[in-house]
All heavy atoms as atom14 arrays in JSON, in Angstrom:
{
  "sequence": "YNLDTDTLSRGNLPGVKHKTFLTAEDCFELGKIAYTEADYYHTELW",
  "atom14_mask": [
    [1, 1, 1, 1, 1, 1, 1, 1, 1, 1, 1, 1, 0, 0],
    [1, 1, 1, 1, 1, 1, 1, 1, 0, 0, 0, 0, 0, 0],
    [1, 1, 1, 1, 1, 1, 1, 1, 0, 0, 0, 0, 0, 0],
    [1, 1, 1, 1, 1, 1, 1, 1, 0, 0, 0, 0, 0, 0],
    [1, 1, 1, 1, 1, 1, 1, 0, 0, 0, 0, 0, 0, 0],
    [1, 1, 1, 1, 1, 1, 1, 1, 0, 0, 0, 0, 0, 0],
    [1, 1, 1, 1, 1, 1, 1, 0, 0, 0, 0, 0, 0, 0],
    [1, 1, 1, 1, 1, 1, 1, 1, 0, 0, 0, 0, 0, 0],
    [1, 1, 1, 1, 1, 1, 0, 0, 0, 0, 0, 0, 0, 0],
    [1, 1, 1, 1, 1, 1, 1, 1, 1, 1, 1, 0, 0, 0],
    [1, 1, 1, 1, 0, 0, 0, 0, 0, 0, 0, 0, 0, 0],
    [1, 1, 1, 1, 1, 1, 1, 1, 0, 0, 0, 0, 0, 0],
    [1, 1, 1, 1, 1, 1, 1, 1, 0, 0, 0, 0, 0, 0],
    [1, 1, 1, 1, 1, 1, 1, 0, 0, 0, 0, 0, 0, 0],
    [1, 1, 1, 1, 0, 0, 0, 0, 0, 0, 0, 0, 0, 0],
    [1, 1, 1, 1, 1, 1, 1, 0, 0, 0, 0, 0, 0, 0],
    [1, 1, 1, 1, 1, 1, 1, 1, 1, 0, 0, 0, 0, 0],
    [1, 1, 1, 1, 1, 1, 1, 1, 1, 1, 0, 0, 0, 0],
    [1, 1, 1, 1, 1, 1, 1, 1, 1, 0, 0, 0, 0, 0],
    [1, 1, 1, 1, 1, 1, 1, 0, 0, 0, 0, 0, 0, 0],
    [1, 1, 1, 1, 1, 1, 1, 1, 1, 1, 1, 0, 0, 0],
    [1, 1, 1, 1, 1, 1, 1, 1, 0, 0, 0, 0, 0, 0],
    [1, 1, 1, 1, 1, 1, 1, 0, 0, 0, 0, 0, 0, 0],
    [1, 1, 1, 1, 1, 0, 0, 0, 0, 0, 0, 0, 0, 0],
    [1, 1, 1, 1, 1, 1, 1, 1, 1, 0, 0, 0, 0, 0],
    [1, 1, 1, 1, 1, 1, 1, 1, 0, 0, 0, 0, 0, 0],
    [1, 1, 1, 1, 1, 1, 0, 0, 0, 0, 0, 0, 0, 0],
    [1, 1, 1, 1, 1, 1, 1, 1, 1, 1, 1, 0, 0, 0],
    [1, 1, 1, 1, 1, 1, 1, 1, 1, 0, 0, 0, 0, 0],
    [1, 1, 1, 1, 1, 1, 1, 1, 0, 0, 0, 0, 0, 0],
    [1, 1, 1, 1, 0, 0, 0, 0, 0, 0, 0, 0, 0, 0],
    [1, 1, 1, 1, 1, 1, 1, 1, 1, 0, 0, 0, 0, 0],
    [1, 1, 1, 1, 1, 1, 1, 1, 0, 0, 0, 0, 0, 0],
    [1, 1, 1, 1, 1, 0, 0, 0, 0, 0, 0, 0, 0, 0],
    [1, 1, 1, 1, 1, 1, 1, 1, 1, 1, 1, 1, 0, 0],
    [1, 1, 1, 1, 1, 1, 1, 0, 0, 0, 0, 0, 0, 0],
    [1, 1, 1, 1, 1, 1, 1, 1, 1, 0, 0, 0, 0, 0],
    [1, 1, 1, 1, 1, 0, 0, 0, 0, 0, 0, 0, 0, 0],
    [1, 1, 1, 1, 1, 1, 1, 1, 0, 0, 0, 0, 0, 0],
    [1, 1, 1, 1, 1, 1, 1, 1, 1, 1, 1, 1, 0, 0],
    [1, 1, 1, 1, 1, 1, 1, 1, 1, 1, 1, 1, 0, 0],
    [1, 1, 1, 1, 1, 1, 1, 1, 1, 1, 0, 0, 0, 0],
    [1, 1, 1, 1, 1, 1, 1, 0, 0, 0, 0, 0, 0, 0],
    [1, 1, 1, 1, 1, 1, 1, 1, 1, 0, 0, 0, 0, 0],
    [1, 1, 1, 1, 1, 1, 1, 1, 0, 0, 0, 0, 0, 0],
    [1, 1, 1, 1, 1, 1, 1, 1, 1, 1, 1, 1, 1, 1]
  ],
  "atom14_positions": [
    [[0.8, -1.22, -0.01], [0.01, 0.01, 0.01], [0.84, 1.29, 0.02], [0.31, 2.38, 0.27], [-0.95, -0.03, 1.24], [-1.99, -1.13, 1.1], [-1.77, -2.33, 1.79], [-3.08, -0.98, 0.26], [-2.71, -3.36, 1.66], [-4.0, -2.01, 0.13], [-3.83, -3.23, 0.85], [-4.71, -4.22, 0.71], [0.0, 0.0, 0.0], [0.0, 0.0, 0.0]],
    [[2.15, 1.16, -0.3], [3.05, 2.3, -0.39], [2.95, 3.18, 0.88], [2.79, 4.4, 0.73], [2.7, 3.11, -1.67], [3.11, 2.45, -2.92], [4.03, 1.6, -2.94], [2.46, 2.76, -4.03], [0.0, 0.0, 0.0], [0.0, 0.0, 0.0], [0.0, 0.0, 0.0], [0.0, 0.0, 0.0], [0.0, 0.0, 0.0], [0.0, 0.0, 0.0]],
    [[3.04, 2.57, 2.04], [2.99, 3.31, 3.24], [4.41, 3.64, 3.77], [5.3, 2.84, 3.72], [2.27, 2.5, 4.34], [0.82, 2.05, 4.05], [0.32, 1.1, 5.08], [-0.09, 3.27, 3.92], [0.0, 0.0, 0.0], [0.0, 0.0, 0.0], [0.0, 0.0, 0.0], [0.0, 0.0, 0.0], [0.0, 0.0, 0.0], [0.0, 0.0, 0.0]],
    [[4.62, 4.88, 4.17], [5.9, 5.18, 4.75], [5.96, 4.82, 6.21], [4.94, 4.65, 6.88], [6.2, 6.71, 4.55], [5.18, 7.6, 5.3], [5.34, 7.8, 6.48], [4.25, 8.07, 4.65], [0.0, 0.0, 0.0], [0.0, 0.0, 0.0], [0.0, 0.0, 0.0], [0.0, 0.0, 0.0], [0.0, 0.0, 0.0], [0.0, 0.0, 0.0]],
    [[7.16, 4.73, 6.69], [7.37, 4.23, 8.08], [6.72, 5.14, 9.09], [6.22, 4.7, 10.12], [8.86, 4.1, 8.37], [9.56, 5.33, 8.04], [9.47, 2.91, 7.6], [0.0, 0.0, 0.0], [0.0, 0.0, 0.0], [0.0, 0.0, 0.0], [0.0, 0.0, 0.0], [0.0, 0.0, 0.0], [0.0, 0.0, 0.0], [0.0, 0.0, 0.0]],
    [[6.78, 6.44, 8.87], [6.2, 7.38, 9.79], [4.68, 7.2, 9.95], [4.11, 7.25, 11.02], [6.54, 8.8, 9.42], [6.24, 9.78, 10.55], [6.89, 9.65, 11.64], [5.49, 10.76, 10.4], [0.0, 0.0, 0.0], [0.0, 0.0, 0.0], [0.0, 0.0, 0.0], [0.0, 0.0, 0.0], [0.0, 0.0, 0.0], [0.0, 0.0, 0.0]],
    [[4.02, 6.97, 8.81], [2.61, 6.74, 8.8], [2.26, 5.5, 9.57], [1.34, 5.52, 10.44], [2.08, 6.62, 7.33], [2.27, 7.81, 6.6], [0.58, 6.29, 7.35], [0.0, 0.0, 0.0], [0.0, 0.0, 0.0], [0.0, 0.0, 0.0], [0.0, 0.0, 0.0], [0.0, 0.0, 0.0], [0.0, 0.0, 0.0], [0.0, 0.0, 0.0]],
    [[2.98, 4.38, 9.3], [2.75, 3.16, 10.06], [3.02, 3.35, 11.57], [2.31, 2.82, 12.4], [3.65, 2.04, 9.48], [3.02, 1.15, 8.38], [4.0, 0.19, 7.89], [1.82, 0.43, 8.94], [0.0, 0.0, 0.0], [0.0, 0.0, 0.0], [0.0, 0.0, 0.0], [0.0, 0.0, 0.0], [0.0, 0.0, 0.0], [0.0, 0.0, 0.0]],
    [[4.17, 4.03, 11.84], [4.59, 4.2, 13.22], [3.53, 4.98, 14.04], [3.32, 4.69, 15.26], [5.92, 4.93, 13.29], [6.27, 5.16, 14.63], [0.0, 0.0, 0.0], [0.0, 0.0, 0.0], [0.0, 0.0, 0.0], [0.0, 0.0, 0.0], [0.0, 0.0, 0.0], [0.0, 0.0, 0.0], [0.0, 0.0, 0.0], [0.0, 0.0, 0.0]],
    [[2.94, 5.97, 13.45], [1.89, 6.79, 14.11], [0.52, 6.09, 14.04], [-0.4, 6.59, 14.67], [1.87, 8.16, 13.45], [3.09, 8.98, 13.64], [2.96, 10.28, 12.87], [4.23, 11.03, 12.95], [4.52, 11.85, 13.9], [3.66, 12.05, 14.9], [5.68, 12.53, 13.92], [0.0, 0.0, 0.0], [0.0, 0.0, 0.0], [0.0, 0.0, 0.0]],
    [[0.4, 4.99, 13.36], [-0.86, 4.31, 13.31], [-1.88, 5.01, 12.47], [-3.1, 4.79, 12.62], [0.0, 0.0, 0.0], [0.0, 0.0, 0.0], [0.0, 0.0, 0.0], [0.0, 0.0, 0.0], [0.0, 0.0, 0.0], [0.0, 0.0, 0.0], [0.0, 0.0, 0.0], [0.0, 0.0, 0.0], [0.0, 0.0, 0.0], [0.0, 0.0, 0.0]],
    [[-1.47, 5.92, 11.56], [-2.41, 6.66, 10.73], [-2.78, 5.91, 9.52], [-2.5, 6.23, 8.36], [-1.79, 7.99, 10.32], [-1.48, 8.95, 11.5], [-2.31, 8.94, 12.45], [-0.47, 9.69, 11.46], [0.0, 0.0, 0.0], [0.0, 0.0, 0.0], [0.0, 0.0, 0.0], [0.0, 0.0, 0.0], [0.0, 0.0, 0.0], [0.0, 0.0, 0.0]],
    [[-3.54, 4.79, 9.73], [-3.95, 3.99, 8.65], [-5.41, 4.22, 8.32], [-6.28, 4.35, 9.25], [-3.72, 2.47, 8.99], [-2.33, 2.09, 9.34], [-2.22, 0.63, 9.68], [-1.37, 2.41, 8.14], [0.0, 0.0, 0.0], [0.0, 0.0, 0.0], [0.0, 0.0, 0.0], [0.0, 0.0, 0.0], [0.0, 0.0, 0.0], [0.0, 0.0, 0.0]],
    [[-5.81, 4.23, 7.08], [-7.22, 4.48, 6.73], [-8.11, 3.35, 7.17], [-7.8, 2.12, 7.01], [-7.18, 4.61, 5.17], [-5.97, 3.81, 4.75], [-4.96, 4.04, 5.87], [0.0, 0.0, 0.0], [0.0, 0.0, 0.0], [0.0, 0.0, 0.0], [0.0, 0.0, 0.0], [0.0, 0.0, 0.0], [0.0, 0.0, 0.0], [0.0, 0.0, 0.0]],
    [[-9.3, 3.68, 7.74], [-10.27, 2.72, 8.06], [-10.06, 1.98, 9.39], [-10.87, 1.06, 9.71], [0.0, 0.0, 0.0], [0.0, 0.0, 0.0], [0.0, 0.0, 0.0], [0.0, 0.0, 0.0], [0.0, 0.0, 0.0], [0.0, 0.0, 0.0], [0.0, 0.0, 0.0], [0.0, 0.0, 0.0], [0.0, 0.0, 0.0], [0.0, 0.0, 0.0]],
    [[-9.05, 2.3, 10.08], [-8.78, 1.57, 11.38], [-9.66, 2.11, 12.51], [-9.94, 3.31, 12.52], [-7.32, 1.62, 11.81], [-6.39, 0.9, 10.84], [-6.81, 3.05, 11.99], [0.0, 0.0, 0.0], [0.0, 0.0, 0.0], [0.0, 0.0, 0.0], [0.0, 0.0, 0.0], [0.0, 0.0, 0.0], [0.0, 0.0, 0.0], [0.0, 0.0, 0.0]],
    [[-10.07, 1.21, 13.43], [-10.94, 1.65, 14.55], [-10.14, 2.02, 15.76], [-10.4, 3.04, 16.37], [-11.86, 0.5, 14.9], [-13.06, 0.33, 14.01], [-13.77, -0.96, 14.37], [-15.24, -0.73, 14.4], [-15.91, -2.0, 14.89], [0.0, 0.0, 0.0], [0.0, 0.0, 0.0], [0.0, 0.0, 0.0], [0.0, 0.0, 0.0], [0.0, 0.0, 0.0]],
    [[-9.13, 1.28, 16.05], [-8.38, 1.44, 17.23], [-6.92, 1.87, 16.94], [-6.07, 0.99, 16.71], [-8.39, 0.15, 18.11], [-9.74, -0.43, 18.35], [-10.59, 0.18, 19.25], [-10.36, -1.47, 17.8], [-11.73, -0.53, 19.24], [-11.61, -1.5, 18.36], [0.0, 0.0, 0.0], [0.0, 0.0, 0.0], [0.0, 0.0, 0.0], [0.0, 0.0, 0.0]],
    [[-6.79, 3.16, 16.85], [-5.45, 3.67, 16.53], [-4.36, 3.4, 17.56], [-4.68, 3.5, 18.79], [-5.53, 5.21, 16.32], [-4.27, 5.87, 15.84], [-4.47, 7.34, 15.62], [-3.2, 8.03, 15.25], [-3.33, 9.49, 15.02], [0.0, 0.0, 0.0], [0.0, 0.0, 0.0], [0.0, 0.0, 0.0], [0.0, 0.0, 0.0], [0.0, 0.0, 0.0]],
    [[-3.25, 2.92, 17.14], [-2.13, 2.66, 18.07], [-0.86, 3.03, 17.38], [-0.82, 3.25, 16.15], [-2.08, 1.19, 18.45], [-1.15, 1.03, 19.5], [-1.77, 0.27, 17.3], [0.0, 0.0, 0.0], [0.0, 0.0, 0.0], [0.0, 0.0, 0.0], [0.0, 0.0, 0.0], [0.0, 0.0, 0.0], [0.0, 0.0, 0.0], [0.0, 0.0, 0.0]],
    [[0.23, 3.15, 18.13], [1.48, 3.64, 17.53], [2.59, 2.65, 17.87], [2.5, 1.86, 18.76], [1.84, 5.04, 17.96], [2.07, 5.09, 19.49], [3.32, 4.97, 19.99], [0.95, 5.34, 20.36], [3.52, 5.05, 21.36], [1.17, 5.41, 21.71], [2.53, 5.25, 22.22], [0.0, 0.0, 0.0], [0.0, 0.0, 0.0], [0.0, 0.0, 0.0]],
    [[3.66, 2.72, 17.11], [4.88, 1.95, 17.32], [5.91, 2.79, 18.09], [6.19, 3.94, 17.69], [5.49, 1.46, 16.0], [4.65, 0.53, 15.12], [5.23, 0.36, 13.79], [4.52, -0.86, 15.81], [0.0, 0.0, 0.0], [0.0, 0.0, 0.0], [0.0, 0.0, 0.0], [0.0, 0.0, 0.0], [0.0, 0.0, 0.0], [0.0, 0.0, 0.0]],
    [[6.47, 2.24, 19.09], [7.54, 2.85, 19.88], [8.84, 2.74, 19.08], [8.92, 1.95, 18.11], [7.68, 2.26, 21.24], [8.12, 0.9, 21.11], [6.39, 2.33, 22.04], [0.0, 0.0, 0.0], [0.0, 0.0, 0.0], [0.0, 0.0, 0.0], [0.0, 0.0, 0.0], [0.0, 0.0, 0.0], [0.0, 0.0, 0.0], [0.0, 0.0, 0.0]],
    [[9.83, 3.46, 19.54], [11.17, 3.31, 18.94], [11.67, 1.85, 19.0], [12.31, 1.35, 18.14], [12.15, 4.28, 19.6], [0.0, 0.0, 0.0], [0.0, 0.0, 0.0], [0.0, 0.0, 0.0], [0.0, 0.0, 0.0], [0.0, 0.0, 0.0], [0.0, 0.0, 0.0], [0.0, 0.0, 0.0], [0.0, 0.0, 0.0], [0.0, 0.0, 0.0]],
    [[11.39, 1.23, 20.2], [11.7, -0.17, 20.34], [11.03, -1.04, 19.41], [11.62, -2.01, 18.84], [11.38, -0.55, 21.83], [11.8, -2.01, 22.12], [11.35, -2.43, 23.52], [10.96, -1.52, 24.34], [11.35, -3.62, 23.81], [0.0, 0.0, 0.0], [0.0, 0.0, 0.0], [0.0, 0.0, 0.0], [0.0, 0.0, 0.0], [0.0, 0.0, 0.0]],
    [[9.75, -0.75, 19.12], [8.96, -1.57, 18.16], [9.63, -1.45, 16.72], [9.77, -2.42, 16.03], [7.5, -1.1, 18.05], [6.76, -1.37, 19.32], [7.11, -2.39, 20.0], [5.83, -0.63, 19.66], [0.0, 0.0, 0.0], [0.0, 0.0, 0.0], [0.0, 0.0, 0.0], [0.0, 0.0, 0.0], [0.0, 0.0, 0.0], [0.0, 0.0, 0.0]],
    [[9.97, -0.23, 16.41], [10.52, 0.07, 15.12], [11.94, -0.69, 14.96], [12.26, -1.21, 13.95], [10.75, 1.56, 14.84], [9.17, 2.49, 14.83], [0.0, 0.0, 0.0], [0.0, 0.0, 0.0], [0.0, 0.0, 0.0], [0.0, 0.0, 0.0], [0.0, 0.0, 0.0], [0.0, 0.0, 0.0], [0.0, 0.0, 0.0], [0.0, 0.0, 0.0]],
    [[12.69, -0.63, 16.08], [13.97, -1.26, 16.13], [13.82, -2.81, 15.94], [14.57, -3.49, 15.2], [14.62, -1.01, 17.5], [15.98, -1.67, 17.66], [17.11, -1.18, 17.02], [16.11, -2.76, 18.47], [18.35, -1.77, 17.21], [17.34, -3.4, 18.69], [18.46, -2.87, 18.03], [0.0, 0.0, 0.0], [0.0, 0.0, 0.0], [0.0, 0.0, 0.0]],
    [[12.72, -3.35, 16.54], [12.47, -4.81, 16.43], [12.14, -5.17, 14.96], [12.56, -6.22, 14.43], [11.35, -5.23, 17.34], [11.04, -6.65, 17.42], [12.19, -7.51, 17.88], [12.98, -7.0, 18.72], [12.37, -8.67, 17.5], [0.0, 0.0, 0.0], [0.0, 0.0, 0.0], [0.0, 0.0, 0.0], [0.0, 0.0, 0.0], [0.0, 0.0, 0.0]],
    [[11.35, -4.34, 14.3], [10.99, -4.56, 12.91], [12.22, -4.54, 12.04], [12.46, -5.37, 11.16], [10.0, -3.53, 12.39], [8.53, -3.74, 12.9], [7.74, -2.48, 12.52], [7.93, -4.92, 12.23], [0.0, 0.0, 0.0], [0.0, 0.0, 0.0], [0.0, 0.0, 0.0], [0.0, 0.0, 0.0], [0.0, 0.0, 0.0], [0.0, 0.0, 0.0]],
    [[13.09, -3.55, 12.35], [14.37, -3.45, 11.59], [15.28, -4.64, 11.84], [15.91, -5.16, 10.9], [0.0, 0.0, 0.0], [0.0, 0.0, 0.0], [0.0, 0.0, 0.0], [0.0, 0.0, 0.0], [0.0, 0.0, 0.0], [0.0, 0.0, 0.0], [0.0, 0.0, 0.0], [0.0, 0.0, 0.0], [0.0, 0.0, 0.0], [0.0, 0.0, 0.0]],
    [[15.34, -5.2, 13.03], [16.14, -6.39, 13.32], [15.61, -7.61, 12.59], [16.4, -8.41, 12.06], [16.14, -6.64, 14.86], [17.13, -5.83, 15.65], [17.1, -6.18, 17.1], [17.4, -7.65, 17.34], [17.4, -7.95, 18.81], [0.0, 0.0, 0.0], [0.0, 0.0, 0.0], [0.0, 0.0, 0.0], [0.0, 0.0, 0.0], [0.0, 0.0, 0.0]],
    [[14.26, -7.77, 12.58], [13.76, -8.91, 11.88], [14.04, -8.81, 10.38], [14.38, -9.83, 9.74], [12.22, -9.04, 12.1], [12.0, -9.45, 13.58], [11.49, -9.95, 11.18], [10.53, -9.38, 14.05], [0.0, 0.0, 0.0], [0.0, 0.0, 0.0], [0.0, 0.0, 0.0], [0.0, 0.0, 0.0], [0.0, 0.0, 0.0], [0.0, 0.0, 0.0]],
    [[13.93, -7.63, 9.78], [14.28, -7.49, 8.39], [15.81, -7.79, 8.18], [16.16, -8.4, 7.21], [13.98, -6.05, 7.9], [0.0, 0.0, 0.0], [0.0, 0.0, 0.0], [0.0, 0.0, 0.0], [0.0, 0.0, 0.0], [0.0, 0.0, 0.0], [0.0, 0.0, 0.0], [0.0, 0.0, 0.0], [0.0, 0.0, 0.0], [0.0, 0.0, 0.0]],
    [[16.62, -7.4, 9.15], [18.02, -7.61, 9.09], [18.37, -9.12, 9.06], [19.25, -9.6, 8.32], [18.72, -6.95, 10.23], [20.21, -7.13, 10.34], [21.1, -6.3, 9.61], [20.79, -8.15, 11.11], [22.45, -6.46, 9.66], [22.12, -8.33, 11.2], [23.0, -7.51, 10.48], [24.34, -7.68, 10.55], [0.0, 0.0, 0.0], [0.0, 0.0, 0.0]],
    [[17.7, -9.84, 9.89], [17.93, -11.32, 9.95], [17.54, -11.99, 8.62], [18.07, -13.1, 8.35], [17.15, -11.98, 11.1], [15.76, -11.72, 10.93], [17.56, -11.45, 12.46], [0.0, 0.0, 0.0], [0.0, 0.0, 0.0], [0.0, 0.0, 0.0], [0.0, 0.0, 0.0], [0.0, 0.0, 0.0], [0.0, 0.0, 0.0], [0.0, 0.0, 0.0]],
    [[16.65, -11.4, 7.89], [16.26, -11.91, 6.6], [17.13, -11.32, 5.43], [16.81, -11.59, 4.29], [14.82, -11.54, 6.31], [13.77, -12.07, 7.26], [13.55, -13.57, 7.16], [13.56, -14.08, 6.0], [13.5, -14.27, 8.19], [0.0, 0.0, 0.0], [0.0, 0.0, 0.0], [0.0, 0.0, 0.0], [0.0, 0.0, 0.0], [0.0, 0.0, 0.0]],
    [[18.2, -10.59, 5.83], [19.07, -9.93, 4.87], [18.27, -8.98, 4.0], [18.59, -8.66, 2.85], [19.77, -10.98, 3.96], [0.0, 0.0, 0.0], [0.0, 0.0, 0.0], [0.0, 0.0, 0.0], [0.0, 0.0, 0.0], [0.0, 0.0, 0.0], [0.0, 0.0, 0.0], [0.0, 0.0, 0.0], [0.0, 0.0, 0.0], [0.0, 0.0, 0.0]],
    [[17.17, -8.44, 4.54], [16.34, -7.46, 3.88], [16.82, -6.06, 4.3], [16.25, -5.42, 5.26], [14.84, -7.63, 4.22], [13.93, -6.67, 3.58], [14.41, -5.8, 2.85], [12.68, -6.71, 3.88], [0.0, 0.0, 0.0], [0.0, 0.0, 0.0], [0.0, 0.0, 0.0], [0.0, 0.0, 0.0], [0.0, 0.0, 0.0], [0.0, 0.0, 0.0]],
    [[17.88, -5.56, 3.72], [18.52, -4.36, 4.19], [17.71, -3.09, 3.8], [17.87, -2.07, 4.46], [19.92, -4.26, 3.63], [20.82, -5.45, 4.04], [21.26, -6.35, 3.15], [21.06, -5.66, 5.38], [22.01, -7.45, 3.55], [21.87, -6.72, 5.78], [22.31, -7.58, 4.83], [23.04, -8.67, 5.27], [0.0, 0.0, 0.0], [0.0, 0.0, 0.0]],
    [[16.84, -3.22, 2.8], [15.99, -2.1, 2.43], [15.05, -1.71, 3.58], [15.0, -0.59, 4.03], [15.2, -2.45, 1.15], [14.07, -1.49, 0.89], [14.34, -0.2, 0.37], [12.77, -1.84, 1.08], [13.32, 0.7, 0.12], [11.68, -0.99, 0.79], [12.01, 0.28, 0.29], [10.97, 1.18, 0.06], [0.0, 0.0, 0.0], [0.0, 0.0, 0.0]],
    [[14.34, -2.71, 4.12], [13.45, -2.48, 5.25], [14.21, -2.26, 6.51], [13.73, -1.55, 7.45], [12.44, -3.64, 5.4], [11.4, -3.64, 4.36], [11.36, -4.6, 3.35], [10.32, -2.85, 4.15], [10.34, -4.35, 2.56], [9.7, -3.33, 3.0], [0.0, 0.0, 0.0], [0.0, 0.0, 0.0], [0.0, 0.0, 0.0], [0.0, 0.0, 0.0]],
    [[15.36, -2.86, 6.67], [16.22, -2.58, 7.87], [16.5, -1.07, 7.99], [16.4, -0.47, 9.04], [17.57, -3.38, 7.75], [17.22, -4.77, 7.7], [18.32, -3.12, 9.03], [0.0, 0.0, 0.0], [0.0, 0.0, 0.0], [0.0, 0.0, 0.0], [0.0, 0.0, 0.0], [0.0, 0.0, 0.0], [0.0, 0.0, 0.0], [0.0, 0.0, 0.0]],
    [[16.9, -0.52, 6.79], [17.23, 0.87, 6.8], [16.02, 1.73, 7.12], [16.09, 2.69, 7.98], [17.77, 1.34, 5.41], [18.05, 2.83, 5.31], [18.52, 3.22, 3.93], [18.67, 2.34, 3.03], [18.81, 4.44, 3.77], [0.0, 0.0, 0.0], [0.0, 0.0, 0.0], [0.0, 0.0, 0.0], [0.0, 0.0, 0.0], [0.0, 0.0, 0.0]],
    [[14.85, 1.42, 6.5], [13.6, 2.22, 6.74], [13.29, 2.21, 8.24], [13.01, 3.3, 8.77], [12.46, 1.63, 5.97], [12.48, 1.77, 4.45], [11.26, 1.16, 3.82], [12.66, 3.23, 4.06], [0.0, 0.0, 0.0], [0.0, 0.0, 0.0], [0.0, 0.0, 0.0], [0.0, 0.0, 0.0], [0.0, 0.0, 0.0], [0.0, 0.0, 0.0]],
    [[13.32, 1.05, 8.9], [12.8, 1.02, 10.26], [13.84, 1.43, 11.33], [13.48, 1.97, 12.33], [12.25, -0.42, 10.58], [10.92, -0.56, 9.87], [10.67, -1.22, 8.75], [9.69, 0.05, 10.32], [9.33, -1.08, 8.36], [8.73, -0.26, 9.32], [9.31, 0.82, 11.33], [7.39, 0.16, 9.33], [7.99, 1.31, 11.4], [7.07, 0.87, 10.45]]
  ]
}
């Protein structure tokens, strides 16, 4: 859906009922998981 990391992190998704946000620790965890998959593109983003 071509979403940028800031939009996802702030929980600003269309049509959602219960808005929530990602902490810096959550973003770090997403980056680590991408890193373990050698997915350096998403590692950099998160």
